Amino acid sequence: MKLSRGSALLIYVVLALLAIFSLGPLVLMLNNSFKNRIEITMNPLALPSPIRWQNYVEAWQSASLGSALLNTLFISTVTVLLTSCVAGMAAFVLSRKAVKGWSVVSLYFLICTTIPVQLFLIPLFFIFQKLGFVNNRLALCLVYTALYTPFSVFLLRTYFLRVSPEILDSARVDGANDWQIFSRIMLPLIQPGLLTIALVVGLWSWNEFLLAVTFLQDEALFTATVRFYSFSGRYVTEWGKMMSAATMIMTPIIVLFTFLQQRFIEGMTAGGVKG
């Protein structure tokens, strides 16, 4: 259906306003990352004069962002791999096997995705403390995997349901077992869904703060988001360094999403065809 010129103009205006609303805070953050605390306090909208490149150097050194970003990268990567493996196998079984009481199972998954983490944070911390899992990055990855798996199962199940049963029947006739069907046939077919899960889960684990600051109490294990809050003092907040640190923390995610945005959008839309 061809839109009229007025309708098309209205759509472009709305999209432009949404773009400004979304990108405005990022532009303001980047602008203020080159100013000192006094300049930001006086006029946060003004352009930096002069440009203070040393904010990035001081933020990188004072907050040990190098090691913090490596910790975050390790935790995010392991979480993505674990979540993809667990959710992929669970979604495959739930899509191909007749599960009695699937409505109850789906309700359980839905509840798991909506329960605030604050409700079980304290008992979980005492359990981890008894087991000696505090200050353990792999243990934190397990917590993240448990939190993100229900959503991942829901999404990946829709991809498995879109695969024609005739493909599986042909593979079984050729002598393939369930593992071969899953690993060699199904996984390549649902690659857009796996990419979507990797991006979403990676973004969540990269930006997560509450669990990271609770379970990782050794400064050598701090993640980037935990280090970011070190610029906020009790009496003085170094806004320039804070904005510089935020820019460096967000840049890898923005670059990754920019290169994979088309695949991400295709994956999100394709997963909603059949449920």
Foldseek 3Di string as FASTA:
>chain_A
DDDDPVVVVVVVVVVVVVVCVVCVVVVLLVQLLQAWPVVCVVPSPDGDVVGRPCLLVCLCPVLVQVLQAVLLVVLLVLLLVLLCVVLLVVLLCVLPDDDPPVVVVLVVLVVLQPDDPVVCLVVVLVVCVVVVNFQPSVVLSVVLSSSLNSVLNLLVNLQSNVDDVVVVVVCVVVPDDPVCCSPVPSCVSLVLSSVLSSLVSSVCSLQDDPSQVSRNVDSSNHHLNPSLCVQDDPVDHGSNSSSSSVCVSCVVSVVVCVVCVVSNVVSVVSSPPGD
